[in-house]
Amino acid sequence: MDFRQLNYFVAVAEELSFSRAAVRLNMSQPPLSQQIKLLEDDLGVGLFNRTRRSVELTHAGSLFYEQATAILKQYANAKELCAWTTDGKAGKLRIAFTASVPIFEEFSLLIQGFRHAYPHIEMDLLHLSTGEQLLALDADEIDVGFLRPSLDFRIPSFIEAFDLWHDELMLATAVTHDEARDGTAVNLNDLSKEDFILFPQALGCGLFEHITTITARAGFSPRIVQEVRENSTTLALVAAGLGISIVPSTYVYTKPPGVVFKKISGSATESKIVMASSRNREMASLRLFLDYARAHRKPCAPASLIESAAHKIPEPDTPCLSP
């Protein structure tokens, strides 16, 4: 049995006439009848009751018709998908992101929009630190990454990178902390004696490296009393008064009660989200994703939208907080 015989059978089953089916298939009737007979011999059952006046499906023929049409439809879909892989409209993308990326509204809009535009491209989403993403790109374990690089980050030669969104690093402190009493920006030098809650350095975290770079420029190394892998936990411990932290301003949208965000003056606090892929990775669906992300990149809202007042939260339509 082959797909040709299935097509022959479906034509006869739908026309209930060998002569009309032969016309539909653009062939003569004798070879059509011969192919149906070979199919019946292969299956070991009769598919049609034939008389001089009529052709009817047997019970076995009716059941086989349902399966035959499903098989032919699946085969047609498979052929279409194979054709789409050539121009990238079908396939699979492995996408990694740092913890703060999903908080950007633009990220969810990007994923949602791309899925709508290319519904046959499957996306596997994975949370990895910036350092882990660079290793995964080099090892061909992911196709594209959304990184938050350190202040002195230099793009490796094997990476193709594009700046997507920006925000800024801000001080996060408990509402009961002395620094929370006024709305003025804090100078980083004034934090040298504080206890810090930060990401572990071992995670290859670009945020950690950025923080330690600006504190070193301010003349001190942060005294880390607690290492935390999730920023939501960081803010919860800050609210409990266990220490202060420096976090991306994007986290103003997840700020728990009892936490105040303050701008940091006199330091290189601008941070960014970078979309990265391997230059050695040639895949049509990946190129479609990269081009889509560039074409649909939205400009960031001005930094003035972050207010240094202790309990002020920006409106939800301005998730990108620095030019």
Protein backbone atom coordinates (compact mmCIF):
# COMPACT_ATOMS: atom_id res chain seq x y z
CA MET A 1 0.00 0.00 0.00
CA ASP A 2 1.23 3.50 -0.82
CA PHE A 3 -0.12 7.06 -0.86
CA ARG A 4 -1.10 6.67 -4.53
CA GLN A 5 -3.43 3.78 -3.69
CA LEU A 6 -4.89 5.77 -0.79
CA ASN A 7 -5.69 8.62 -3.16
CA TYR A 8 -7.29 6.18 -5.60
CA PHE A 9 -9.40 4.65 -2.84
CA VAL A 10 -10.57 8.03 -1.47
CA ALA A 11 -11.58 9.16 -4.97
CA VAL A 12 -13.71 6.04 -5.54
CA ALA A 13 -15.17 6.24 -2.01
CA GLU A 14 -16.23 9.85 -2.53
CA GLU A 15 -17.52 9.42 -6.08
CA LEU A 16 -19.01 5.95 -5.49
CA SER A 17 -18.25 5.36 -9.15
CA PHE A 18 -15.12 3.94 -10.74
CA SER A 19 -15.74 5.81 -13.97
CA ARG A 20 -16.23 9.21 -12.29
CA ALA A 21 -13.23 8.57 -10.01
CA ALA A 22 -11.09 7.73 -13.06
CA VAL A 23 -12.06 11.04 -14.67
CA ARG A 24 -11.29 12.87 -11.43
CA LEU A 25 -7.88 11.19 -11.24
CA ASN A 26 -7.20 11.74 -14.96
CA MET A 27 -6.65 8.04 -15.63
CA SER A 28 -8.48 5.18 -17.32
CA GLN A 29 -10.84 2.92 -15.36
CA PRO A 30 -9.12 -0.51 -15.73
CA PRO A 31 -5.86 0.42 -13.97
CA LEU A 32 -7.89 2.18 -11.26
CA SER A 33 -9.93 -0.96 -10.65
CA GLN A 34 -6.71 -2.99 -10.62
CA GLN A 35 -5.11 -0.73 -7.96
CA ILE A 36 -8.20 -0.92 -5.74
CA LYS A 37 -8.13 -4.72 -6.04
CA LEU A 38 -4.44 -4.76 -5.04
CA LEU A 39 -5.27 -2.58 -2.03
CA GLU A 40 -8.07 -4.91 -0.97
CA ASP A 41 -5.76 -7.92 -1.33
CA ASP A 42 -3.16 -6.16 0.81
CA LEU A 43 -5.71 -5.34 3.53
CA GLY A 44 -7.42 -8.73 3.31
CA VAL A 45 -10.92 -7.22 3.17
CA GLY A 46 -13.32 -5.95 0.54
CA LEU A 47 -13.67 -2.18 0.55
CA PHE A 48 -16.53 -1.89 -1.94
CA ASN A 49 -19.67 -3.79 -2.85
CA ARG A 50 -19.78 -3.63 -6.64
CA THR A 51 -22.78 -4.21 -8.88
CA ARG A 52 -23.44 -3.21 -12.46
CA ARG A 53 -25.53 -0.29 -11.25
CA SER A 54 -23.82 0.87 -8.06
CA VAL A 55 -20.71 0.98 -5.94
CA GLU A 56 -21.04 1.08 -2.15
CA LEU A 57 -18.57 1.10 0.69
CA THR A 58 -18.50 -1.98 2.89
CA HIS A 59 -18.38 -1.56 6.64
CA ALA A 60 -14.61 -2.11 6.47
CA GLY A 61 -14.45 0.40 3.61
CA SER A 62 -16.25 3.06 5.66
CA LEU A 63 -13.82 2.61 8.55
CA PHE A 64 -10.84 2.60 6.22
CA TYR A 65 -12.08 5.79 4.51
CA GLU A 66 -11.95 7.70 7.81
CA GLN A 67 -8.37 6.57 8.45
CA ALA A 68 -7.27 7.08 4.83
CA THR A 69 -8.46 10.69 4.71
CA ALA A 70 -6.76 11.40 8.07
CA ILE A 71 -3.49 9.87 6.82
CA LEU A 72 -3.58 11.89 3.61
CA LYS A 73 -4.32 15.08 5.54
CA GLN A 74 -1.44 14.44 7.95
CA TYR A 75 0.87 13.73 5.04
CA ALA A 76 -0.16 16.98 3.33
CA ASN A 77 0.45 18.90 6.56
CA ALA A 78 3.86 17.24 6.96
CA LYS A 79 4.82 18.19 3.40
CA GLU A 80 3.74 21.77 4.06
CA LEU A 81 5.76 21.94 7.28
CA CYS A 82 8.82 20.59 5.49
CA ALA A 83 8.43 23.30 2.87
CA TRP A 84 8.07 25.94 5.58
CA THR A 85 11.33 24.90 7.25
CA THR A 86 13.16 26.12 4.15
CA ASP A 87 12.03 29.72 4.69
CA GLY A 88 11.93 29.44 8.48
CA LYS A 89 8.16 29.53 8.96
CA ALA A 90 8.21 26.22 10.83
CA GLY A 91 10.71 24.87 13.30
CA LYS A 92 11.82 25.25 16.89
CA LEU A 93 13.62 28.04 18.74
CA ARG A 94 15.38 27.72 22.10
CA ILE A 95 15.15 31.08 23.87
CA ALA A 96 16.85 31.95 27.18
CA PHE A 97 16.39 35.04 29.33
CA THR A 98 17.59 36.54 32.60
CA ALA A 99 15.26 36.90 35.56
CA SER A 100 14.27 40.52 34.93
CA VAL A 101 13.46 40.13 31.22
CA PRO A 102 9.87 38.81 31.60
CA ILE A 103 9.01 41.92 33.63
CA PHE A 104 9.50 44.07 30.54
CA GLU A 105 6.12 44.39 28.85
CA GLU A 106 7.96 44.47 25.53
CA PHE A 107 9.19 40.91 26.07
CA SER A 108 5.71 39.42 26.44
CA LEU A 109 4.50 41.48 23.47
CA LEU A 110 7.45 40.25 21.40
CA ILE A 111 6.81 36.57 22.20
CA GLN A 112 3.06 36.93 21.72
CA GLY A 113 3.41 38.82 18.44
CA PHE A 114 5.95 36.40 17.00
CA ARG A 115 3.83 33.38 17.91
CA HIS A 116 0.87 34.98 16.16
CA ALA A 117 2.93 35.81 13.06
CA TYR A 118 4.60 32.37 12.89
CA PRO A 119 2.33 29.85 14.63
CA HIS A 120 4.30 26.85 13.36
CA ILE A 121 7.54 27.91 15.07
CA GLU A 122 7.72 26.29 18.50
CA MET A 123 9.49 28.24 21.24
CA ASP A 124 11.18 26.67 24.27
CA LEU A 125 11.77 29.34 26.94
CA LEU A 126 14.50 28.88 29.54
CA HIS A 127 15.68 31.01 32.48
CA LEU A 128 19.49 31.35 32.52
CA SER A 129 21.89 33.95 33.86
CA THR A 130 23.87 36.10 31.45
CA GLY A 131 27.02 34.01 31.92
CA GLU A 132 25.10 30.76 31.47
CA GLN A 133 23.54 32.09 28.28
CA LEU A 134 26.91 32.95 26.77
CA LEU A 135 28.15 29.43 27.48
CA ALA A 136 24.94 27.93 26.08
CA LEU A 137 25.22 30.01 22.89
CA ASP A 138 28.81 28.88 22.41
CA ALA A 139 27.78 25.24 22.95
CA ASP A 140 24.80 25.55 20.59
CA GLU A 141 22.41 24.71 23.44
CA ILE A 142 20.20 27.77 22.83
CA ASP A 143 19.45 29.79 19.71
CA VAL A 144 18.89 33.25 21.15
CA GLY A 145 19.41 34.85 24.55
CA PHE A 146 18.20 37.95 26.35
CA LEU A 147 21.15 39.09 28.47
CA ARG A 148 21.67 41.76 31.08
CA PRO A 149 25.43 42.28 30.58
CA SER A 150 27.83 43.86 33.03
CA LEU A 151 28.99 47.45 32.70
CA ASP A 152 32.28 46.48 31.03
CA PHE A 153 30.81 43.71 28.88
CA ARG A 154 32.53 43.15 25.56
CA ILE A 155 30.71 41.14 22.91
CA PRO A 156 32.57 37.88 22.11
CA SER A 157 33.52 37.46 18.47
CA PHE A 158 31.12 34.53 18.02
CA ILE A 159 28.12 36.54 19.27
CA GLU A 160 25.78 38.76 17.28
CA ALA A 161 24.18 41.21 19.72
CA PHE A 162 21.57 43.95 19.58
CA ASP A 163 20.50 46.36 22.34
CA LEU A 164 16.76 46.04 22.97
CA TRP A 165 15.69 47.79 26.17
CA HIS A 166 17.24 49.93 28.90
CA ASP A 167 16.54 50.65 32.54
CA GLU A 168 18.70 51.78 35.47
CA LEU A 169 20.00 50.39 38.72
CA MET A 170 18.33 51.77 41.82
CA LEU A 171 18.70 51.42 45.55
CA ALA A 172 16.11 49.19 47.20
CA THR A 173 15.72 49.70 50.93
CA ALA A 174 13.18 49.07 53.67
CA VAL A 175 10.72 51.87 54.31
CA THR A 176 12.10 52.04 57.86
CA HIS A 177 15.67 52.62 56.67
CA ASP A 178 17.26 56.05 57.17
CA GLU A 179 17.73 56.43 53.41
CA ALA A 180 13.97 56.11 52.88
CA ARG A 181 13.15 59.29 54.80
CA ASP A 182 13.45 61.69 51.87
CA GLY A 183 12.98 61.52 48.14
CA THR A 184 16.42 62.73 47.09
CA ALA A 185 18.84 60.53 45.18
CA VAL A 186 21.43 58.66 47.19
CA ASN A 187 25.16 58.83 46.59
CA LEU A 188 26.77 55.41 46.27
CA ASN A 189 29.61 56.48 48.62
CA ASP A 190 27.07 56.74 51.45
CA LEU A 191 26.33 53.00 51.22
CA SER A 192 29.80 51.66 51.97
CA LYS A 193 28.88 50.62 55.53
CA GLU A 194 25.58 48.97 54.61
CA ASP A 195 24.71 45.26 54.51
CA PHE A 196 23.89 44.12 50.98
CA ILE A 197 21.60 41.41 49.61
CA LEU A 198 22.77 40.42 46.12
CA PHE A 199 22.85 37.68 43.51
CA PRO A 200 25.62 35.09 43.87
CA GLN A 201 28.65 35.86 41.72
CA ALA A 202 28.96 32.19 40.72
CA LEU A 203 25.80 32.42 38.61
CA GLY A 204 27.61 34.45 35.96
CA CYS A 205 25.25 37.31 36.71
CA GLY A 206 25.86 40.49 34.71
CA LEU A 207 23.87 42.43 37.31
CA PHE A 208 26.25 41.37 40.09
CA GLU A 209 29.26 42.40 38.03
CA HIS A 210 27.69 45.77 37.24
CA ILE A 211 27.00 46.43 40.92
CA THR A 212 30.47 45.45 42.07
CA THR A 213 32.01 47.58 39.31
CA ILE A 214 30.23 50.79 40.35
CA THR A 215 30.83 50.15 44.06
CA ALA A 216 34.54 49.59 43.35
CA ARG A 217 34.59 52.91 41.51
CA ALA A 218 33.00 54.45 44.60
CA GLY A 219 35.86 53.05 46.68
CA PHE A 220 34.35 50.08 48.46
CA SER A 221 33.34 46.45 48.08
CA PRO A 222 29.76 45.68 49.16
CA ARG A 223 29.43 43.71 52.38
CA ILE A 224 27.16 40.88 51.27
CA VAL A 225 25.19 39.34 54.13
CA GLN A 226 22.83 37.29 52.00
CA GLU A 227 23.06 35.81 48.50
CA VAL A 228 19.72 35.33 46.75
CA ARG A 229 18.96 33.78 43.37
CA GLU A 230 15.61 35.53 42.76
CA ASN A 231 15.00 39.27 42.86
CA SER A 232 11.55 38.75 44.34
CA THR A 233 13.23 37.11 47.33
CA THR A 234 15.79 39.91 47.42
CA LEU A 235 13.04 42.52 47.75
CA ALA A 236 11.25 40.47 50.41
CA LEU A 237 14.44 40.34 52.52
CA VAL A 238 14.97 44.07 51.96
CA ALA A 239 11.43 44.73 53.20
CA ALA A 240 12.25 42.66 56.29
CA GLY A 241 15.16 44.98 57.04
CA LEU A 242 17.92 42.39 56.56
CA GLY A 243 19.88 44.69 54.28
CA ILE A 244 19.73 46.89 51.20
CA SER A 245 20.12 45.96 47.57
CA ILE A 246 20.71 47.47 44.15
CA VAL A 247 18.24 46.21 41.55
CA PRO A 248 17.06 47.13 38.05
CA SER A 249 14.37 49.81 38.05
CA THR A 250 12.15 47.37 36.13
CA TYR A 251 11.48 45.68 39.48
CA VAL A 252 9.40 48.66 40.55
CA TYR A 253 6.51 46.64 39.08
CA THR A 254 7.08 43.80 41.54
CA LYS A 255 7.85 45.92 44.59
CA PRO A 256 6.38 44.37 47.76
CA PRO A 257 4.99 46.50 50.59
CA GLY A 258 7.68 48.01 52.80
CA VAL A 259 10.28 48.60 50.05
CA VAL A 260 11.40 51.99 48.76
CA PHE A 261 13.28 52.59 45.49
CA LYS A 262 15.69 55.51 45.24
CA LYS A 263 17.77 56.81 42.36
CA ILE A 264 21.55 56.56 42.68
CA SER A 265 23.48 59.68 41.70
CA GLY A 266 27.03 60.02 40.41
CA SER A 267 27.36 56.43 39.15
CA ALA A 268 27.04 54.59 35.86
CA THR A 269 23.68 53.04 36.70
CA GLU A 270 22.25 52.64 33.21
CA SER A 271 21.64 48.97 32.43
CA LYS A 272 20.40 47.25 29.30
CA ILE A 273 18.88 44.09 27.92
CA VAL A 274 20.76 42.67 24.93
CA MET A 275 19.44 40.13 22.45
CA ALA A 276 22.23 37.75 21.45
CA SER A 277 22.68 34.85 19.05
CA SER A 278 25.61 32.88 17.68
CA ARG A 279 27.07 34.16 14.40
CA ASN A 280 27.69 30.52 13.50
CA ARG A 281 24.06 29.53 13.87
CA GLU A 282 22.45 29.52 10.42
CA MET A 283 18.74 28.86 10.76
CA ALA A 284 15.95 30.56 8.85
CA SER A 285 13.51 30.62 11.79
CA LEU A 286 16.17 32.23 14.01
CA ARG A 287 16.74 34.97 11.43
CA LEU A 288 12.98 35.57 11.30
CA PHE A 289 12.90 35.99 15.09
CA LEU A 290 15.88 38.37 15.17
CA ASP A 291 14.46 40.48 12.35
CA TYR A 292 11.03 40.52 14.01
CA ALA A 293 12.50 41.67 17.34
CA ARG A 294 14.44 44.49 15.66
CA ALA A 295 11.45 45.60 13.60
CA HIS A 296 9.10 45.66 16.60
CA ARG A 297 11.49 47.24 19.09
CA LYS A 298 9.74 50.04 20.96
CA PRO A 299 11.53 53.14 22.26
CA CYS A 300 12.03 53.36 26.00
CA ALA A 301 10.17 55.80 28.21
CA PRO A 302 12.22 58.62 29.77
CA ALA A 303 13.89 58.05 33.13
CA SER A 304 11.88 60.90 34.64
CA LEU A 305 8.94 58.53 34.87
CA ILE A 306 10.65 56.90 37.88
CA GLU A 307 9.96 59.04 40.87
CA SER A 308 12.22 58.88 43.88
CA ALA A 309 9.31 59.28 46.28
CA ALA A 310 9.20 56.38 48.70
CA HIS A 311 5.91 54.80 47.64
CA LYS A 312 5.39 56.03 44.07
CA ILE A 313 5.00 53.34 41.38
CA PRO A 314 5.08 54.29 37.66
CA GLU A 315 2.09 53.65 35.46
CA PRO A 316 2.08 50.18 33.84
CA ASP A 317 2.38 51.53 30.27
CA THR A 318 5.98 52.64 30.81
CA PRO A 319 7.98 49.50 31.62
CA CYS A 320 11.24 50.67 30.07
CA LEU A 321 12.58 53.32 32.35
CA SER A 322 15.70 54.84 30.90
CA PRO A 323 16.60 56.20 27.47
